[in-house]
Amino acid sequence: MKSLRCRFSSAGIVGFLVAAVLLLPASPLYCAPLSLPNVSLNIGGAADQPGQMSGLLQLMIFLTLLTLAPAILLMVTSFTRIVVVLSLVRNALGTQQMPPNQIIIGLALFLTFFVMAPVWNRINTDALQPYMEEQISGEQAFALGTAPLKDFMLKQTREKDLALFIRMSKEKRPEKPADISLNILVPAFVISELKTAFQIGFMIYLPFMIIDMVISSILLSMGMMMLPPIIMSLPFKLLLFVLVDGWYLIVGSLVQSFR
């Protein structure tokens, strides 16, 4: 009886509180309409001066550059040669996905930053800082900023590759290297980087290929034809790579190849 009476008393108290809340007059705090702040978006904004770009056009150019940033990184820097060589090293060792792709790409990025640091410093000093201080126009900043990149790419590009794209473009032969346009220099630079990377990769493959041939000959002479040679040669490859300090030699040779 006591528990039943307690249940009825608690239910009555809860019902009384709900009815009291519903019968209360509406407070002005709750009846006041919700006011939103005024937000205005201007999509025009044409510049008053003819030579000045509008804000919308600048935003579109900035978003376009962000979209093309990976392609620019691949095409005009040392990233292509470095990442191809590191991938060939992994394939020559036969370690499948070790080191993983994230490690390969991360190491290639930091090596690219290291190699391209003098070029970035020249671009920042000659083009970016004067443009941000409004000392030069956008066209002048672009011309001054691409000059260090052209110098870097011309040093790594073969004349044969440059002549190929100049001939296919049917343009007049440039009088000096600075007159070469980027649409000719960039693809010539990329195929030159790929050729150099494959040459370095071939030299890396040779000692590991010799180990594979020796292990295969030993297994055939012992009659162990069912045992894959790559399983037996992998420890010897790793041992050779560690004894000669392979990462030190490869990274050092890659960086020195750009000097």
Protein backbone atom coordinates (compact mmCIF):
# COMPACT_ATOMS: atom_id res chain seq x y z
CA MET A 1 0.00 0.00 0.00
CA LYS A 2 2.81 2.39 0.81
CA SER A 3 4.53 1.79 -2.55
CA LEU A 4 1.24 2.20 -4.45
CA ARG A 5 0.50 5.45 -2.57
CA CYS A 6 3.99 6.74 -3.38
CA ARG A 7 3.46 6.00 -7.07
CA PHE A 8 0.12 7.88 -7.13
CA SER A 9 1.57 10.85 -5.27
CA SER A 10 4.58 11.13 -7.62
CA ALA A 11 2.36 10.81 -10.71
CA GLY A 12 0.08 13.53 -9.37
CA ILE A 13 2.99 15.89 -8.75
CA VAL A 14 4.34 15.38 -12.30
CA GLY A 15 0.88 15.95 -13.82
CA PHE A 16 0.40 19.13 -11.78
CA LEU A 17 3.75 20.54 -12.95
CA VAL A 18 2.99 19.79 -16.63
CA ALA A 19 -0.45 21.46 -16.38
CA ALA A 20 1.04 24.50 -14.66
CA VAL A 21 3.60 24.94 -17.45
CA LEU A 22 0.95 24.65 -20.16
CA LEU A 23 -1.40 27.16 -18.47
CA LEU A 24 1.27 29.80 -17.91
CA PRO A 25 0.94 32.88 -20.14
CA ALA A 26 3.39 33.03 -22.98
CA SER A 27 6.48 35.00 -22.07
CA PRO A 28 7.64 37.78 -24.42
CA LEU A 29 11.02 36.07 -24.49
CA TYR A 30 9.54 33.03 -26.25
CA CYS A 31 7.10 34.96 -28.45
CA ALA A 32 9.70 37.33 -29.86
CA PRO A 33 10.40 36.59 -33.53
CA LEU A 34 13.81 35.22 -34.38
CA SER A 35 15.89 37.85 -36.16
CA LEU A 36 18.68 36.77 -38.48
CA PRO A 37 21.66 38.97 -39.31
CA ASN A 38 21.69 40.60 -42.70
CA VAL A 39 24.11 38.84 -45.05
CA SER A 40 24.91 40.28 -48.46
CA LEU A 41 26.97 38.57 -51.17
CA ASN A 42 28.26 40.65 -54.05
CA ILE A 43 29.26 38.67 -57.13
CA GLY A 44 30.07 41.62 -59.31
CA GLY A 45 32.76 43.80 -57.95
CA ALA A 46 34.32 44.93 -61.17
CA ALA A 47 37.36 47.05 -60.66
CA ASP A 48 37.21 50.77 -61.24
CA GLN A 49 40.56 50.81 -63.01
CA PRO A 50 40.92 48.91 -66.29
CA GLY A 51 44.14 47.18 -65.27
CA GLN A 52 42.81 45.90 -61.93
CA MET A 53 41.21 42.46 -61.62
CA SER A 54 37.95 41.94 -59.79
CA GLY A 55 37.78 39.92 -56.60
CA LEU A 56 35.76 37.14 -58.25
CA LEU A 57 38.34 36.73 -61.01
CA GLN A 58 41.16 36.57 -58.47
CA LEU A 59 39.25 33.93 -56.52
CA MET A 60 38.73 31.84 -59.66
CA ILE A 61 42.44 32.05 -60.52
CA PHE A 62 43.39 31.05 -56.97
CA LEU A 63 41.05 28.02 -56.99
CA THR A 64 42.38 26.99 -60.39
CA LEU A 65 45.95 27.12 -59.11
CA LEU A 66 44.97 25.01 -56.11
CA THR A 67 43.44 22.42 -58.44
CA LEU A 68 46.53 22.32 -60.64
CA ALA A 69 49.00 22.35 -57.74
CA PRO A 70 49.70 18.55 -57.85
CA ALA A 71 50.30 18.69 -61.60
CA ILE A 72 52.60 21.70 -61.20
CA LEU A 73 54.51 19.86 -58.47
CA LEU A 74 54.96 16.83 -60.73
CA MET A 75 55.88 18.68 -63.90
CA VAL A 76 58.27 21.48 -62.95
CA THR A 77 60.18 20.09 -59.96
CA SER A 78 62.52 17.22 -59.16
CA PHE A 79 59.66 15.11 -57.78
CA THR A 80 59.29 12.97 -60.92
CA ARG A 81 62.85 11.66 -60.96
CA ILE A 82 62.96 11.06 -57.20
CA VAL A 83 59.68 9.17 -56.87
CA VAL A 84 60.39 6.99 -59.93
CA VAL A 85 63.85 6.02 -58.65
CA LEU A 86 62.55 5.23 -55.16
CA SER A 87 59.78 3.07 -56.64
CA LEU A 88 62.31 1.21 -58.80
CA VAL A 89 64.47 0.56 -55.71
CA ARG A 90 61.51 -1.07 -53.99
CA ASN A 91 60.76 -3.20 -57.05
CA ALA A 92 64.42 -4.22 -57.39
CA LEU A 93 64.47 -5.40 -53.78
CA GLY A 94 61.28 -7.39 -54.34
CA THR A 95 59.76 -6.34 -51.03
CA GLN A 96 56.27 -5.88 -52.53
CA GLN A 97 54.73 -2.92 -50.66
CA MET A 98 57.58 -2.26 -48.23
CA PRO A 99 58.28 0.59 -47.79
CA PRO A 100 54.62 1.57 -48.37
CA ASN A 101 53.55 4.17 -50.90
CA GLN A 102 53.03 6.80 -48.19
CA ILE A 103 56.68 6.51 -47.14
CA ILE A 104 57.92 6.66 -50.73
CA ILE A 105 55.83 9.73 -51.60
CA GLY A 106 56.63 11.46 -48.30
CA LEU A 107 60.38 10.95 -48.74
CA ALA A 108 60.14 12.12 -52.35
CA LEU A 109 58.30 15.27 -51.24
CA PHE A 110 60.86 16.21 -48.61
CA LEU A 111 63.74 15.52 -50.99
CA THR A 112 61.96 17.71 -53.55
CA PHE A 113 61.70 20.54 -51.02
CA PHE A 114 65.40 20.14 -50.25
CA VAL A 115 66.47 20.17 -53.90
CA MET A 116 64.13 23.00 -54.91
CA ALA A 117 64.88 25.24 -51.89
CA PRO A 118 67.28 27.57 -53.80
CA VAL A 119 64.71 27.95 -56.58
CA TRP A 120 61.90 28.74 -54.13
CA ASN A 121 64.10 31.31 -52.40
CA ARG A 122 64.77 33.08 -55.70
CA ILE A 123 61.07 33.07 -56.59
CA ASN A 124 60.17 34.46 -53.17
CA THR A 125 62.83 37.18 -53.31
CA ASP A 126 62.44 38.23 -56.95
CA ALA A 127 58.70 37.83 -57.55
CA LEU A 128 56.51 36.99 -54.57
CA GLN A 129 57.67 39.58 -52.02
CA PRO A 130 57.73 42.53 -54.50
CA TYR A 131 54.25 41.54 -55.71
CA MET A 132 52.85 41.36 -52.17
CA GLU A 133 54.35 44.77 -51.44
CA GLU A 134 52.68 46.07 -54.65
CA GLN A 135 56.00 47.02 -56.20
CA ILE A 136 55.40 45.05 -59.43
CA SER A 137 52.33 43.94 -61.37
CA GLY A 138 51.03 40.40 -61.73
CA GLU A 139 52.50 39.96 -65.21
CA GLN A 140 55.93 41.06 -64.02
CA ALA A 141 55.70 38.77 -60.98
CA PHE A 142 54.83 35.81 -63.23
CA ALA A 143 57.76 36.53 -65.55
CA LEU A 144 60.20 36.95 -62.68
CA GLY A 145 58.85 33.88 -60.88
CA THR A 146 59.11 31.54 -63.86
CA ALA A 147 62.69 32.58 -64.65
CA PRO A 148 64.28 30.49 -61.81
CA LEU A 149 62.10 27.51 -62.76
CA LYS A 150 63.20 27.80 -66.38
CA ASP A 151 66.85 27.90 -65.33
CA PHE A 152 66.38 24.77 -63.23
CA MET A 153 64.51 22.86 -65.93
CA LEU A 154 66.93 23.87 -68.69
CA LYS A 155 69.87 22.47 -66.71
CA GLN A 156 68.10 19.09 -66.44
CA THR A 157 66.62 18.94 -69.95
CA ARG A 158 68.40 17.39 -72.91
CA GLU A 159 68.76 19.40 -76.09
CA LYS A 160 67.36 16.47 -78.07
CA ASP A 161 64.09 16.60 -76.12
CA LEU A 162 63.85 20.38 -76.48
CA ALA A 163 64.43 20.15 -80.21
CA LEU A 164 61.67 17.53 -80.48
CA PHE A 165 58.98 19.75 -78.97
CA ILE A 166 60.21 22.87 -80.77
CA ARG A 167 59.96 20.98 -84.06
CA MET A 168 56.48 19.60 -83.26
CA SER A 169 55.19 23.02 -82.17
CA LYS A 170 56.33 24.52 -85.51
CA GLU A 171 57.45 27.66 -83.73
CA LYS A 172 60.45 29.77 -84.57
CA ARG A 173 63.67 28.55 -83.02
CA PRO A 174 64.36 30.63 -79.87
CA GLU A 175 67.42 32.83 -80.00
CA LYS A 176 68.29 32.21 -76.34
CA PRO A 177 67.16 29.74 -73.64
CA ALA A 178 65.13 32.38 -71.80
CA ASP A 179 62.86 32.73 -74.85
CA ILE A 180 61.66 29.12 -74.66
CA SER A 181 58.01 29.00 -73.66
CA LEU A 182 56.76 26.84 -70.81
CA ASN A 183 54.46 24.77 -73.04
CA ILE A 184 57.62 23.50 -74.81
CA LEU A 185 59.99 23.36 -71.85
CA VAL A 186 57.75 21.49 -69.39
CA PRO A 187 57.06 18.33 -71.49
CA ALA A 188 60.70 18.23 -72.63
CA PHE A 189 61.79 18.44 -68.99
CA VAL A 190 59.42 15.64 -67.96
CA ILE A 191 60.58 13.12 -70.57
CA SER A 192 64.20 13.99 -69.76
CA GLU A 193 63.50 13.32 -66.08
CA LEU A 194 61.88 9.99 -66.90
CA LYS A 195 64.86 8.92 -69.01
CA THR A 196 67.32 9.89 -66.28
CA ALA A 197 65.24 8.07 -63.64
CA PHE A 198 65.16 4.90 -65.74
CA GLN A 199 68.92 5.06 -66.28
CA ILE A 200 69.48 5.31 -62.52
CA GLY A 201 66.97 2.49 -61.97
CA PHE A 202 68.85 0.23 -64.41
CA MET A 203 72.08 0.72 -62.48
CA ILE A 204 70.23 -0.11 -59.25
CA TYR A 205 68.71 -3.29 -60.72
CA LEU A 206 72.03 -4.81 -61.84
CA PRO A 207 73.40 -6.11 -58.48
CA PHE A 208 70.00 -7.44 -57.39
CA MET A 209 69.53 -9.18 -60.76
CA ILE A 210 72.90 -10.90 -60.32
CA ILE A 211 71.79 -12.17 -56.89
CA ASP A 212 68.57 -13.54 -58.42
CA MET A 213 70.52 -15.35 -61.14
CA VAL A 214 72.95 -16.89 -58.66
CA ILE A 215 70.17 -18.08 -56.34
CA SER A 216 68.20 -19.49 -59.28
CA SER A 217 71.25 -21.43 -60.53
CA ILE A 218 71.90 -22.87 -57.08
CA LEU A 219 68.28 -23.97 -56.66
CA LEU A 220 68.24 -25.61 -60.11
CA SER A 221 71.49 -27.45 -59.43
CA MET A 222 70.02 -28.76 -56.15
CA GLY A 223 66.83 -29.87 -57.88
CA MET A 224 64.64 -27.52 -55.82
CA MET A 225 62.60 -26.32 -58.79
CA MET A 226 59.37 -25.94 -56.80
CA LEU A 227 60.87 -23.32 -54.46
CA PRO A 228 60.47 -19.75 -55.83
CA PRO A 229 63.92 -18.13 -56.19
CA ILE A 230 62.59 -14.72 -55.06
CA ILE A 231 61.87 -16.11 -51.59
CA MET A 232 65.44 -17.30 -51.18
CA SER A 233 67.08 -14.24 -52.76
CA LEU A 234 65.17 -11.63 -50.75
CA PRO A 235 67.24 -12.02 -47.52
CA PHE A 236 70.48 -11.75 -49.51
CA LYS A 237 69.21 -8.62 -51.27
CA LEU A 238 68.31 -7.01 -47.98
CA LEU A 239 71.67 -8.00 -46.51
CA LEU A 240 73.53 -6.47 -49.44
CA PHE A 241 71.41 -3.32 -49.32
CA VAL A 242 72.08 -2.86 -45.61
CA LEU A 243 75.81 -3.61 -45.83
CA VAL A 244 76.42 -1.00 -48.53
CA ASP A 245 74.08 1.50 -46.78
CA GLY A 246 71.79 1.63 -49.78
CA TRP A 247 69.49 4.46 -48.73
CA TYR A 248 72.48 6.70 -48.04
CA LEU A 249 73.95 6.01 -51.48
CA ILE A 250 70.67 6.36 -53.38
CA VAL A 251 69.50 9.55 -51.69
CA GLY A 252 72.95 11.10 -51.96
CA SER A 253 73.23 10.21 -55.64
CA LEU A 254 69.74 11.57 -56.35
CA VAL A 255 70.44 14.90 -54.72
CA GLN A 256 73.85 15.20 -56.37
CA SER A 257 72.34 14.46 -59.78
CA PHE A 258 70.55 17.83 -59.66
CA ARG A 259 73.66 19.85 -58.81
